[in-house]
Amino acid sequence: MARHLITSALPYINGIKHLGNMVGSMLPADVYARYLRQRGHDVLYICATDEHGTPAELAAKEQGVPVAEFCATAHGAQKAVYDGFALEFDYFGRSSSPQNVDITQHFARRLHENGFIEERAIRQVYSPADGRFLPDRYVEGTCPHCGYDKARGDQCENCTRVLDPTDLINPRSAISGSTDLEVRETKHLFLLQSKLQVEVEEWVARHEADWPQLASSIARKWLTEGLHDRAITRDLDWGVPVPADTWPELAAEGKVFYVWFDAPIEYIAATKEWSDEDPENRDWKSWWYGEAAGDVRYTEFMAKDNVPFHTVMFPATELGVREPWKMVDYVKAFNWLTYYGGKFSTSQKRGVFTDQALDVLPADYWRYFLIANAPESDDSSFTWEHFTATVNKDLADTLGNFVNRVLSFSKKRFGDEVPAGGTAGEAETRLGEEIARLLAEYEEQMAALQFRKAASALRALWSAGNSYLEEKAPWLEIKTDKDAAALTLRTAMNLIHLYAVVSEPLIPTSSKAMRAAFALPEDKATWVTREEAKTLTTLTPGIPFTVPPVLFAKLTDDDLAAYKERFGGEPAA
């Protein structure tokens, strides 16, 4: 049985993330990790805040605090939100950790020794008004490809094209806004990706058939265009320092590594952070290095703008160090979640942000909606109308109402213990076969990381219970055959317990509440077998139960109007 290493793209430190970030990396990674744990696999789910680069410096400057202080506070704030979403990271680290400094510098030294890093003099944007060279993100202007007027010097947020600051039209300093910019000569380190092109192509060719089309097509596009040598250092006060033992002159000038060089290495470093907390029982290298990691299956989760870095640039880095580091097996890439057809944007505060979402409704509402509408094959749009309709139909009516109807009616007519009733008949046999079939479909889609299809299969499982209840109509059965009604309710209660177990990856808090409704001794079930699904006999007569509070409140037209008034019912212009 494989050990599963799971990482989600590191969220930037500069502010709370929006729902698009959540569904594009962290949430599906958590759902997958939870599912694998339930199925008995050894899982390590690693993430961290991405703390280097200009976003951190600019955000700290805006708040008037030292960047290290800003990052420490922001890390805690982000972690609190992820805890609120019930994300079960095994470790949530920080790219500013000493471990990341050490491993990033090690990678750089090894790449240099192997002839894949060289020092080059380049011409770079300098701002006399700011008295400094401007790193890529400190330069803003108009994208030459799409005309977006807030493009940054490293990448256009609108069309996702990678840029150099000198590509921008009408460039300006992101610090002072000055357009009085000069181009001066300075020295930087370059990663010679061109020398690694063939190796990266061969590596991608071995994997791309298994990846989602989105990931493989982006990787292939970059390789077809050709890998270019890229500067991997910047003029910043905050970052992993260039090691003085290898590049004394650049170290003396205060050069640091580019955030996109050190950020992917933080996956490894965060695992070491995790290991260093309990070194007697945790071995980070067994997940990442050499033969010890030979049984590890590594899955990365990310939105499409991160795909080039994870399928081309970081693999080039790992190949170039000439050491047996674990490389990704499967890249789960997502398209955009839009807000009424427009982009969510952290920098422009457009859309619903994760802390606001938790302020509106509990996490399970969001977890289910986002997974059920994950932007896998194409972009998907968030609208409040769609959200409220999904919550009401799937969560409140199909699942929540089923749980409440069954338990409330049974308590009223049979007391607070699972009723006995008669033996299972033809309806129960048909139900068992259908539940086993749908459970198999759910398992298949979860294993394939097809999250929308998995949510659809889970919803079908819930619907099957409602169909059974409508067919048997215990509220009518009880008038003529009390034992038949008891059988129906006992069967339905077993469905509730099954739902509690298998729904946990998507709605963990509600699943816990469903499971807690039954005083089932030694209830340690982590999954439900197909045979158990067919027989539905886990809950036996006499087991005490309680009726839990309403699992999902139905959202009203007034709620919808209030959400739209607060957040807007259309994207910003």
Protein backbone atom coordinates (compact mmCIF):
# COMPACT_ATOMS: atom_id res chain seq x y z
CA MET A 1 0.00 0.00 0.00
CA ALA A 2 1.41 3.37 -1.04
CA ARG A 3 2.09 6.17 1.36
CA HIS A 4 0.42 9.34 0.14
CA LEU A 5 2.20 12.69 0.26
CA ILE A 6 -0.19 15.55 -0.47
CA THR A 7 0.62 19.24 -0.87
CA SER A 8 -1.51 22.21 -1.85
CA ALA A 9 -0.10 25.35 -3.43
CA LEU A 10 1.20 27.66 -0.72
CA PRO A 11 -1.15 30.59 -0.05
CA TYR A 12 0.54 33.97 -0.19
CA ILE A 13 0.95 35.64 3.15
CA ASN A 14 -0.52 38.99 2.08
CA GLY A 15 -4.05 38.74 3.39
CA ILE A 16 -6.90 36.30 3.85
CA LYS A 17 -7.59 34.22 0.75
CA HIS A 18 -10.82 34.17 -1.26
CA LEU A 19 -13.03 31.19 -2.07
CA GLY A 20 -11.24 30.71 -5.39
CA ASN A 21 -7.98 30.01 -3.55
CA MET A 22 -9.77 27.61 -1.22
CA VAL A 23 -11.38 25.49 -3.94
CA GLY A 24 -8.31 25.66 -6.19
CA SER A 25 -5.92 23.94 -3.81
CA MET A 26 -6.42 23.52 -0.07
CA LEU A 27 -10.01 22.27 0.18
CA PRO A 28 -9.83 19.46 -2.44
CA ALA A 29 -6.48 18.42 -1.00
CA ASP A 30 -8.10 18.15 2.43
CA VAL A 31 -11.06 16.18 1.04
CA TYR A 32 -8.69 13.77 -0.69
CA ALA A 33 -6.46 13.41 2.38
CA ARG A 34 -9.47 12.73 4.60
CA TYR A 35 -10.77 10.12 2.17
CA LEU A 36 -7.44 8.31 1.98
CA ARG A 37 -7.06 8.31 5.77
CA GLN A 38 -10.53 6.84 6.11
CA ARG A 39 -9.58 4.09 3.68
CA GLY A 40 -6.59 3.18 5.85
CA HIS A 41 -3.75 4.79 3.92
CA ASP A 42 -0.71 6.45 5.49
CA VAL A 43 -1.15 10.11 4.55
CA LEU A 44 0.96 13.23 5.07
CA TYR A 45 -0.74 16.49 4.07
CA ILE A 46 1.64 19.45 4.02
CA CYS A 47 1.05 23.13 3.35
CA ALA A 48 2.56 26.46 4.45
CA THR A 49 2.30 30.19 4.00
CA ASP A 50 4.40 31.59 1.16
CA GLU A 51 6.10 34.47 2.97
CA HIS A 52 8.84 35.81 0.73
CA GLY A 53 8.76 38.17 -2.19
CA THR A 54 7.27 41.57 -2.75
CA PRO A 55 3.69 40.87 -1.60
CA ALA A 56 4.91 40.44 1.96
CA GLU A 57 7.13 43.52 1.85
CA LEU A 58 4.43 45.71 0.31
CA ALA A 59 1.75 44.53 2.74
CA ALA A 60 4.03 45.10 5.72
CA LYS A 61 4.94 48.54 4.42
CA GLU A 62 1.27 49.40 4.05
CA GLN A 63 0.67 48.43 7.70
CA GLY A 64 3.81 50.14 8.92
CA VAL A 65 5.25 47.07 10.65
CA PRO A 66 8.43 45.01 10.13
CA VAL A 67 7.92 42.34 7.51
CA ALA A 68 8.83 39.51 9.91
CA GLU A 69 6.20 40.73 12.37
CA PHE A 70 3.63 41.08 9.60
CA CYS A 71 4.26 37.53 8.38
CA ALA A 72 4.02 36.00 11.84
CA THR A 73 0.68 37.71 12.48
CA ALA A 74 -0.68 36.92 9.02
CA HIS A 75 0.34 33.26 9.30
CA GLY A 76 -1.69 32.94 12.50
CA ALA A 77 -4.66 34.69 10.92
CA GLN A 78 -4.63 32.42 7.87
CA LYS A 79 -4.23 29.29 9.99
CA ALA A 80 -7.25 30.31 12.07
CA VAL A 81 -9.39 30.54 8.93
CA TYR A 82 -8.19 27.15 7.68
CA ASP A 83 -8.97 25.66 11.08
CA GLY A 84 -12.42 27.19 10.70
CA PHE A 85 -12.79 25.36 7.37
CA ALA A 86 -11.76 22.14 9.15
CA LEU A 87 -8.66 21.67 7.00
CA GLU A 88 -6.65 18.87 8.60
CA PHE A 89 -3.08 19.63 7.59
CA ASP A 90 -0.56 17.33 9.17
CA TYR A 91 1.61 20.44 9.23
CA PHE A 92 1.07 24.04 8.15
CA GLY A 93 4.50 25.62 7.96
CA ARG A 94 6.16 28.88 6.95
CA SER A 95 8.48 29.44 4.00
CA SER A 96 10.50 31.83 6.17
CA SER A 97 11.53 28.92 8.40
CA PRO A 98 15.20 28.15 9.08
CA GLN A 99 14.59 24.75 7.48
CA ASN A 100 13.61 26.38 4.19
CA VAL A 101 16.64 28.65 4.29
CA ASP A 102 18.93 25.64 4.74
CA ILE A 103 17.36 23.43 2.08
CA THR A 104 16.97 26.24 -0.47
CA GLN A 105 20.62 27.20 -0.08
CA HIS A 106 21.57 23.53 -0.38
CA PHE A 107 19.63 23.25 -3.65
CA ALA A 108 21.29 26.40 -4.98
CA ARG A 109 24.78 25.17 -4.14
CA ARG A 110 24.14 21.80 -5.79
CA LEU A 111 22.72 23.40 -8.93
CA HIS A 112 25.81 25.63 -9.08
CA GLU A 113 28.16 22.68 -8.64
CA ASN A 114 26.39 20.87 -11.48
CA GLY A 115 26.66 23.83 -13.85
CA PHE A 116 23.00 24.88 -13.80
CA ILE A 117 23.38 28.28 -12.12
CA GLU A 118 25.46 31.13 -13.41
CA GLU A 119 25.96 34.77 -12.51
CA ARG A 120 24.92 37.25 -15.16
CA ALA A 121 24.91 41.01 -15.48
CA ILE A 122 21.48 42.23 -16.43
CA ARG A 123 19.74 45.52 -16.91
CA GLN A 124 17.06 46.06 -14.29
CA VAL A 125 14.52 48.71 -13.46
CA TYR A 126 15.82 51.23 -10.93
CA SER A 127 13.70 53.88 -9.21
CA PRO A 128 15.58 57.05 -8.21
CA ALA A 129 12.55 58.11 -6.18
CA ASP A 130 12.78 54.94 -4.10
CA GLY A 131 16.57 54.70 -4.19
CA ARG A 132 16.60 51.02 -5.14
CA PHE A 133 16.34 48.42 -7.85
CA LEU A 134 12.75 47.29 -8.22
CA PRO A 135 12.02 43.55 -8.14
CA ASP A 136 9.48 42.33 -10.67
CA ARG A 137 6.42 42.78 -8.48
CA TYR A 138 7.48 46.29 -7.52
CA VAL A 139 6.86 47.33 -11.12
CA GLU A 140 3.29 47.71 -12.35
CA GLY A 141 1.91 48.70 -15.73
CA THR A 142 -0.14 47.61 -18.71
CA CYS A 143 0.19 44.04 -20.00
CA PRO A 144 1.45 44.02 -23.59
CA HIS A 145 -0.57 40.86 -24.32
CA CYS A 146 -4.06 41.64 -23.00
CA GLY A 147 -4.00 45.33 -22.09
CA TYR A 148 -4.72 44.79 -18.39
CA ASP A 149 -3.57 48.00 -16.69
CA LYS A 150 -2.66 46.51 -13.29
CA ALA A 151 -0.24 43.84 -14.51
CA ARG A 152 2.80 43.15 -12.35
CA GLY A 153 6.34 42.84 -13.59
CA ASP A 154 6.44 39.07 -13.10
CA GLN A 155 3.01 37.94 -14.27
CA CYS A 156 -0.26 39.37 -15.54
CA GLU A 157 -3.05 38.46 -13.14
CA ASN A 158 -5.59 38.81 -15.95
CA CYS A 159 -4.15 36.59 -18.71
CA THR A 160 -1.59 34.70 -16.53
CA ARG A 161 1.27 35.34 -19.00
CA VAL A 162 4.69 35.42 -17.35
CA LEU A 163 6.34 38.81 -17.86
CA ASP A 164 9.52 40.75 -17.28
CA PRO A 165 9.20 44.31 -15.90
CA THR A 166 10.62 45.73 -19.12
CA ASP A 167 7.70 44.16 -21.03
CA LEU A 168 5.17 46.44 -19.33
CA ILE A 169 3.67 49.45 -21.05
CA ASN A 170 3.71 52.67 -18.98
CA PRO A 171 5.53 51.06 -16.03
CA ARG A 172 5.46 52.62 -12.55
CA SER A 173 6.88 51.87 -9.10
CA ALA A 174 4.51 49.90 -6.88
CA ILE A 175 6.16 51.56 -3.89
CA SER A 176 5.94 55.25 -4.71
CA GLY A 177 3.93 55.25 -7.93
CA SER A 178 6.80 57.08 -9.63
CA THR A 179 7.03 56.72 -13.41
CA ASP A 180 10.58 58.11 -13.34
CA LEU A 181 12.22 54.75 -13.83
CA GLU A 182 15.64 53.91 -15.20
CA VAL A 183 17.25 50.72 -16.41
CA ARG A 184 20.64 50.04 -14.80
CA GLU A 185 23.05 47.12 -14.77
CA THR A 186 23.20 44.73 -11.80
CA LYS A 187 24.15 41.09 -11.25
CA HIS A 188 21.85 38.15 -10.55
CA LEU A 189 21.89 34.36 -10.49
CA PHE A 190 20.21 32.52 -13.35
CA LEU A 191 18.86 28.99 -13.34
CA LEU A 192 19.89 27.51 -16.70
CA GLN A 193 16.60 25.84 -17.51
CA SER A 194 17.55 25.65 -21.17
CA LYS A 195 20.22 23.07 -20.29
CA LEU A 196 17.55 20.97 -18.53
CA GLN A 197 14.90 21.17 -21.26
CA VAL A 198 15.39 17.64 -22.60
CA GLU A 199 15.34 16.09 -19.12
CA VAL A 200 12.19 17.97 -18.15
CA GLU A 201 10.52 16.96 -21.43
CA GLU A 202 11.36 13.31 -20.81
CA TRP A 203 10.07 13.54 -17.25
CA VAL A 204 6.81 15.22 -18.29
CA ALA A 205 6.33 12.67 -21.07
CA ARG A 206 6.41 9.86 -18.50
CA HIS A 207 3.64 11.48 -16.45
CA GLU A 208 1.41 13.72 -18.57
CA ALA A 209 -0.87 10.94 -19.81
CA ASP A 210 -1.98 10.38 -16.22
CA TRP A 211 -2.46 14.06 -15.37
CA PRO A 212 -5.63 16.06 -15.95
CA GLN A 213 -5.65 17.62 -19.40
CA LEU A 214 -5.38 21.09 -17.86
CA ALA A 215 -2.06 20.27 -16.18
CA SER A 216 -0.53 18.36 -19.08
CA SER A 217 -1.54 20.95 -21.70
CA ILE A 218 -0.01 23.82 -19.74
CA ALA A 219 3.22 21.88 -19.18
CA ARG A 220 3.39 20.92 -22.85
CA LYS A 221 2.75 24.52 -23.94
CA TRP A 222 5.70 25.76 -21.90
CA LEU A 223 7.98 23.04 -23.17
CA THR A 224 6.95 23.66 -26.78
CA GLU A 225 7.77 27.35 -26.41
CA GLY A 226 11.14 26.36 -24.94
CA LEU A 227 12.55 26.75 -21.44
CA HIS A 228 14.40 29.98 -20.87
CA ASP A 229 17.12 30.69 -18.35
CA ARG A 230 15.52 32.67 -15.53
CA ALA A 231 16.86 34.94 -12.84
CA ILE A 232 16.37 33.33 -9.43
CA THR A 233 17.56 36.20 -7.25
CA ARG A 234 16.03 39.55 -6.40
CA ASP A 235 16.91 42.83 -4.66
CA LEU A 236 14.80 42.52 -1.53
CA ASP A 237 15.27 42.86 2.20
CA TRP A 238 13.17 39.77 2.92
CA GLY A 239 13.87 36.31 1.56
CA VAL A 240 16.28 33.38 1.64
CA PRO A 241 19.75 34.96 1.47
CA VAL A 242 22.17 34.00 -1.27
CA PRO A 243 24.83 31.97 0.64
CA ALA A 244 28.02 33.95 1.16
CA ASP A 245 30.21 30.82 0.96
CA THR A 246 29.26 30.39 -2.70
CA TRP A 247 28.48 33.91 -3.95
CA PRO A 248 30.20 36.34 -1.54
CA GLU A 249 29.77 39.42 -3.74
CA LEU A 250 26.04 38.92 -4.28
CA ALA A 251 25.55 38.06 -0.62
CA ALA A 252 27.29 41.28 0.36
CA GLU A 253 24.86 43.16 -1.88
CA GLY A 254 21.95 41.58 0.00
CA LYS A 255 20.56 39.49 -2.83
CA VAL A 256 17.89 36.95 -1.90
CA PHE A 257 16.38 34.07 -3.85
CA TYR A 258 13.28 34.71 -5.93
CA VAL A 259 10.16 33.57 -4.12
CA TRP A 260 9.29 31.09 -6.87
CA PHE A 261 12.66 29.40 -6.37
CA ASP A 262 12.27 28.85 -2.64
CA ALA A 263 8.46 28.42 -2.36
CA PRO A 264 8.22 24.89 -3.86
CA ILE A 265 11.22 23.84 -1.79
CA GLU A 266 9.11 24.74 1.25
CA TYR A 267 7.08 21.59 0.64
CA ILE A 268 10.21 19.69 1.61
CA ALA A 269 11.18 22.17 4.31
CA ALA A 270 7.71 22.16 5.90
CA THR A 271 7.96 18.38 6.12
CA LYS A 272 11.25 18.85 7.96
CA GLU A 273 9.55 21.43 10.21
CA TRP A 274 6.98 18.74 10.99
CA SER A 275 9.68 16.15 11.56
CA ASP A 276 11.77 18.43 13.77
CA GLU A 277 8.85 18.77 16.20
CA ASP A 278 9.07 15.04 16.97
CA PRO A 279 12.32 13.69 15.49
CA GLU A 280 12.13 10.37 17.34
CA ASN A 281 8.89 9.44 15.59
CA ARG A 282 9.01 11.41 12.33
CA ASP A 283 11.45 11.06 9.48
CA TRP A 284 11.06 13.77 6.83
CA LYS A 285 13.52 12.17 4.45
CA SER A 286 11.46 8.97 4.31
CA TRP A 287 8.85 11.05 2.46
CA TRP A 288 11.21 12.94 0.20
CA TYR A 289 14.58 11.34 -0.40
CA GLY A 290 16.04 8.24 -2.00
CA GLU A 291 14.93 4.65 -1.61
CA ALA A 292 13.12 5.41 1.63
CA ALA A 293 10.57 7.43 -0.36
CA GLY A 294 10.19 4.76 -3.02
CA ASP A 295 6.67 3.79 -1.89
CA VAL A 296 5.43 7.39 -1.71
CA ARG A 297 2.77 8.63 -4.15
CA TYR A 298 3.01 12.41 -4.30
CA THR A 299 -0.04 14.46 -5.34
CA GLU A 300 -0.02 18.26 -5.74
CA PHE A 301 -3.13 20.46 -5.78
CA MET A 302 -3.13 23.90 -7.41
CA ALA A 303 -4.96 26.38 -9.61
CA LYS A 304 -3.90 26.68 -13.24
CA ASP A 305 -1.71 29.76 -12.73
CA ASN A 306 0.61 27.67 -10.54
CA VAL A 307 0.90 24.77 -12.98
CA PRO A 308 3.98 25.98 -14.93
CA PHE A 309 6.02 26.31 -11.76
CA HIS A 310 5.08 22.82 -10.54
CA THR A 311 5.27 20.93 -13.83
CA VAL A 312 8.31 22.62 -15.39
CA MET A 313 10.29 25.00 -13.16
CA PHE A 314 10.43 23.04 -9.89
CA PRO A 315 10.97 19.72 -11.68
CA ALA A 316 13.91 21.36 -13.49
CA THR A 317 15.30 22.40 -10.11
CA GLU A 318 14.89 18.92 -8.64
CA LEU A 319 16.46 17.27 -11.69
CA GLY A 320 19.36 19.72 -11.68
CA VAL A 321 20.49 19.05 -8.12
CA ARG A 322 21.35 15.48 -9.19
CA GLU A 323 20.02 14.04 -5.95
CA PRO A 324 17.16 11.53 -5.55
CA TRP A 325 14.47 13.92 -4.31
CA LYS A 326 10.87 12.75 -4.62
CA MET A 327 9.12 14.33 -7.61
CA VAL A 328 5.40 14.73 -8.10
CA ASP A 329 3.38 11.82 -9.44
CA TYR A 330 0.04 13.53 -10.01
CA VAL A 331 -0.76 17.20 -10.53
CA LYS A 332 -4.40 18.02 -9.80
CA ALA A 333 -4.96 21.36 -11.49
CA PHE A 334 -8.09 23.51 -11.31
CA ASN A 335 -9.51 26.25 -13.46
CA TRP A 336 -10.85 29.48 -11.99
CA LEU A 337 -13.82 29.92 -9.69
CA THR A 338 -15.29 33.21 -10.84
CA TYR A 339 -17.59 35.61 -9.01
CA TYR A 340 -20.61 36.27 -11.23
CA GLY A 341 -18.35 35.64 -14.21
CA GLY A 342 -15.61 38.03 -13.03
CA LYS A 343 -12.39 37.17 -11.28
CA PHE A 344 -12.00 36.78 -7.55
CA SER A 345 -9.06 38.99 -6.67
CA THR A 346 -7.12 39.20 -3.43
CA SER A 347 -5.38 42.39 -4.47
CA GLN A 348 -8.61 44.11 -5.52
CA LYS A 349 -10.81 42.57 -2.79
CA ARG A 350 -13.41 41.28 -5.23
CA GLY A 351 -15.59 38.32 -4.24
CA VAL A 352 -16.16 36.41 -1.02
CA PHE A 353 -13.16 35.90 1.22
CA THR A 354 -12.78 32.87 3.42
CA ASP A 355 -13.09 34.67 6.75
CA GLN A 356 -16.25 36.42 5.50
CA ALA A 357 -17.65 33.09 4.32
CA LEU A 358 -17.31 31.63 7.82
CA ASP A 359 -18.94 34.76 9.22
CA VAL A 360 -21.98 34.09 6.99
CA LEU A 361 -22.43 30.31 7.43
CA PRO A 362 -20.61 27.29 8.94
CA ALA A 363 -17.81 25.65 7.01
CA ASP A 364 -19.73 22.59 5.80
CA TYR A 365 -22.05 24.73 3.68
CA TRP A 366 -19.02 26.11 1.86
CA ARG A 367 -17.08 22.86 1.72
CA TYR A 368 -19.94 21.03 0.04
CA PHE A 369 -20.84 23.79 -2.40
CA LEU A 370 -17.26 24.37 -3.50
CA ILE A 371 -16.48 20.69 -4.05
CA ALA A 372 -19.80 20.09 -5.82
CA ASN A 373 -18.96 22.96 -8.16
CA ALA A 374 -15.18 22.59 -8.34
CA PRO A 375 -13.75 24.21 -11.51
CA GLU A 376 -12.22 21.05 -12.90
CA SER A 377 -13.02 20.80 -16.62
CA ASP A 378 -13.60 24.54 -17.02
CA ASP A 379 -14.17 27.70 -15.01
CA SER A 380 -17.19 27.70 -12.73
CA SER A 381 -19.07 30.72 -11.46
CA PHE A 382 -20.05 31.52 -7.91
CA THR A 383 -23.38 33.29 -7.59
CA TRP A 384 -25.42 33.71 -4.45
CA GLU A 385 -28.47 32.35 -6.30
CA HIS A 386 -26.62 29.13 -7.16
CA PHE A 387 -25.18 28.86 -3.67
CA THR A 388 -28.52 29.23 -1.87
CA ALA A 389 -30.25 26.85 -4.30
CA THR A 390 -27.55 24.20 -3.77
CA VAL A 391 -27.63 24.55 0.02
CA ASN A 392 -31.42 24.31 0.11
CA LYS A 393 -31.79 21.43 -2.35
CA ASP A 394 -28.83 19.22 -1.47
CA LEU A 395 -27.94 19.96 2.12
CA ALA A 396 -31.19 21.17 3.74
CA ASP A 397 -33.76 19.13 1.80
CA THR A 398 -31.98 15.99 0.65
CA LEU A 399 -29.69 15.28 3.61
CA GLY A 400 -30.72 17.43 6.56
CA ASN A 401 -34.45 16.89 6.18
CA PHE A 402 -33.95 13.14 5.80
CA VAL A 403 -32.04 12.95 9.07
CA ASN A 404 -34.55 15.09 10.93
CA ARG A 405 -37.64 13.33 9.52
CA VAL A 406 -36.40 9.86 10.34
CA LEU A 407 -35.14 10.52 13.84
CA SER A 408 -37.95 12.85 14.90
CA PHE A 409 -40.69 10.51 13.67
CA SER A 410 -39.06 7.43 15.17
CA LYS A 411 -38.62 9.13 18.55
CA LYS A 412 -42.22 10.27 18.52
CA ARG A 413 -43.68 6.83 17.66
CA PHE A 414 -41.11 4.36 19.03
CA GLY A 415 -39.12 6.22 21.69
CA ASP A 416 -35.43 7.10 21.80
CA GLU A 417 -33.99 3.72 20.83
CA VAL A 418 -33.53 2.15 17.40
CA PRO A 419 -36.77 0.19 16.84
CA ALA A 420 -36.83 -3.52 16.12
CA GLY A 421 -39.48 -4.16 13.54
CA GLY A 422 -39.67 -6.96 11.03
CA THR A 423 -37.09 -8.54 8.77
CA ALA A 424 -35.79 -6.88 5.63
CA GLY A 425 -37.82 -7.40 2.51
CA GLU A 426 -37.65 -6.73 -1.20
CA ALA A 427 -37.52 -2.94 -0.82
CA GLU A 428 -34.57 -3.19 1.57
CA THR A 429 -32.76 -5.58 -0.79
CA ARG A 430 -33.20 -3.17 -3.69
CA LEU A 431 -32.07 -0.31 -1.49
CA GLY A 432 -28.96 -2.19 -0.38
CA GLU A 433 -27.98 -2.99 -3.95
CA GLU A 434 -28.46 0.66 -4.97
CA ILE A 435 -26.47 1.98 -2.01
CA ALA A 436 -23.61 -0.44 -2.72
CA ARG A 437 -23.59 0.62 -6.38
CA LEU A 438 -23.57 4.33 -5.54
CA LEU A 439 -20.92 3.83 -2.86
CA ALA A 440 -18.71 2.11 -5.46
CA GLU A 441 -19.23 5.06 -7.81
CA TYR A 442 -18.36 7.50 -5.01
CA GLU A 443 -15.19 5.57 -4.18
CA GLU A 444 -14.18 5.41 -7.83
CA GLN A 445 -14.55 9.17 -8.34
CA MET A 446 -12.75 10.03 -5.11
CA ALA A 447 -9.85 7.75 -6.00
CA ALA A 448 -9.70 9.41 -9.44
CA LEU A 449 -9.75 12.89 -7.85
CA GLN A 450 -12.90 13.78 -9.79
CA PHE A 451 -14.45 15.94 -7.13
CA ARG A 452 -17.60 17.17 -8.85
CA LYS A 453 -18.47 13.61 -9.85
CA ALA A 454 -17.69 12.41 -6.33
CA ALA A 455 -20.03 15.04 -4.86
CA SER A 456 -22.69 13.99 -7.36
CA ALA A 457 -22.35 10.35 -6.30
CA LEU A 458 -22.58 11.36 -2.64
CA ARG A 459 -25.70 13.41 -3.36
CA ALA A 460 -27.16 10.36 -5.14
CA LEU A 461 -26.53 8.30 -2.00
CA TRP A 462 -28.49 10.82 0.02
CA SER A 463 -31.27 10.86 -2.57
CA ALA A 464 -31.56 7.08 -2.46
CA GLY A 465 -32.54 7.33 1.18
CA ASN A 466 -35.27 9.81 0.40
CA SER A 467 -36.60 7.64 -2.41
CA TYR A 468 -36.72 4.64 -0.06
CA LEU A 469 -38.51 6.68 2.58
CA GLU A 470 -41.09 7.93 0.10
CA GLU A 471 -41.63 4.41 -1.23
CA LYS A 472 -42.12 2.86 2.20
CA ALA A 473 -43.95 5.86 3.77
CA PRO A 474 -43.58 4.83 7.44
CA TRP A 475 -46.09 7.52 8.42
CA LEU A 476 -48.68 5.43 6.55
CA GLU A 477 -47.21 2.01 7.40
CA ILE A 478 -47.58 2.65 11.10
CA LYS A 479 -51.34 2.88 10.76
CA THR A 480 -51.61 -0.73 9.60
CA ASP A 481 -48.28 -2.48 10.34
CA LYS A 482 -46.19 -1.12 13.20
CA ASP A 483 -43.38 -3.64 12.64
CA ALA A 484 -43.09 -2.65 8.98
CA ALA A 485 -42.79 1.02 9.96
CA ALA A 486 -40.14 0.14 12.55
CA LEU A 487 -38.14 -1.78 9.94
CA THR A 488 -38.28 1.19 7.58
CA LEU A 489 -37.07 3.58 10.27
CA ARG A 490 -34.32 1.24 11.46
CA THR A 491 -33.12 0.88 7.87
CA ALA A 492 -33.23 4.66 7.40
CA MET A 493 -31.23 5.14 10.61
CA ASN A 494 -28.59 2.80 9.24
CA LEU A 495 -28.50 5.00 6.17
CA ILE A 496 -27.91 8.02 8.39
CA HIS A 497 -24.97 6.26 10.01
CA LEU A 498 -23.60 5.31 6.60
CA TYR A 499 -23.99 8.92 5.44
CA ALA A 500 -22.15 10.09 8.56
CA VAL A 501 -19.17 7.89 7.71
CA VAL A 502 -18.87 8.40 3.96
CA SER A 503 -19.78 12.12 3.91
CA GLU A 504 -16.98 13.03 6.31
CA PRO A 505 -14.45 14.10 3.64
CA LEU A 506 -16.82 16.80 2.40
CA ILE A 507 -18.83 17.80 5.49
CA PRO A 508 -16.83 16.67 8.54
CA THR A 509 -18.66 18.69 11.21
CA SER A 510 -22.12 17.57 10.10
CA SER A 511 -20.90 14.00 9.74
CA LYS A 512 -19.69 14.08 13.32
CA ALA A 513 -23.09 15.35 14.46
CA MET A 514 -24.88 12.55 12.55
CA ARG A 515 -22.62 9.91 14.02
CA ALA A 516 -22.98 11.35 17.53
CA ALA A 517 -26.76 10.95 17.29
CA PHE A 518 -26.33 7.22 17.94
CA ALA A 519 -24.93 5.79 21.18
CA LEU A 520 -23.24 3.01 19.25
CA PRO A 521 -20.67 1.19 21.42
CA GLU A 522 -17.20 1.07 19.93
CA ASP A 523 -18.20 3.03 16.84
CA LYS A 524 -14.79 3.18 15.21
CA ALA A 525 -15.87 2.61 11.62
CA THR A 526 -13.70 4.59 9.22
CA TRP A 527 -15.50 3.40 6.10
CA VAL A 528 -18.39 1.22 4.96
CA THR A 529 -17.81 -1.93 2.95
CA ARG A 530 -20.01 -2.83 -0.01
CA GLU A 531 -21.46 -5.75 1.98
CA GLU A 532 -22.28 -3.49 4.91
CA ALA A 533 -23.92 -1.10 2.47
CA LYS A 534 -26.05 -3.93 1.09
CA THR A 535 -27.29 -5.16 4.46
CA LEU A 536 -27.54 -1.86 6.42
CA THR A 537 -27.44 -3.61 9.79
CA THR A 538 -24.77 -1.67 11.71
CA LEU A 539 -27.39 -0.16 14.03
CA THR A 540 -29.25 -2.89 15.85
CA PRO A 541 -32.50 -2.57 17.81
CA GLY A 542 -32.22 -0.97 21.22
CA ILE A 543 -29.33 1.39 20.51
CA PRO A 544 -30.18 4.80 22.03
CA PHE A 545 -30.29 7.83 19.77
CA THR A 546 -30.95 11.56 19.99
CA VAL A 547 -32.31 13.99 17.45
CA PRO A 548 -29.48 16.41 16.59
CA PRO A 549 -30.10 20.12 15.99
CA VAL A 550 -30.99 21.05 12.42
CA LEU A 551 -27.95 20.16 10.34
CA PHE A 552 -28.48 22.74 7.61
CA ALA A 553 -30.74 25.77 7.90
CA LYS A 554 -32.71 26.52 4.79
CA LEU A 555 -31.73 29.85 3.24
CA THR A 556 -34.55 32.31 2.55
CA ASP A 557 -35.12 34.97 -0.07
CA ASP A 558 -34.29 37.51 2.64
CA ASP A 559 -30.96 35.74 3.24
CA LEU A 560 -30.21 35.85 -0.48
CA ALA A 561 -31.03 39.55 -0.67
CA ALA A 562 -28.82 40.26 2.35
CA TYR A 563 -25.87 38.36 0.86
CA LYS A 564 -26.16 40.20 -2.44
CA GLU A 565 -26.43 43.54 -0.69
CA ARG A 566 -23.33 42.85 1.41
CA PHE A 567 -21.13 41.31 -1.27
CA GLY A 568 -22.67 42.48 -4.52
CA GLY A 569 -24.60 40.47 -7.05
CA GLU A 570 -22.27 41.08 -9.95
CA PRO A 571 -18.51 41.45 -10.46
CA ALA A 572 -16.83 44.78 -10.05
CA ALA A 573 -16.26 46.63 -13.31
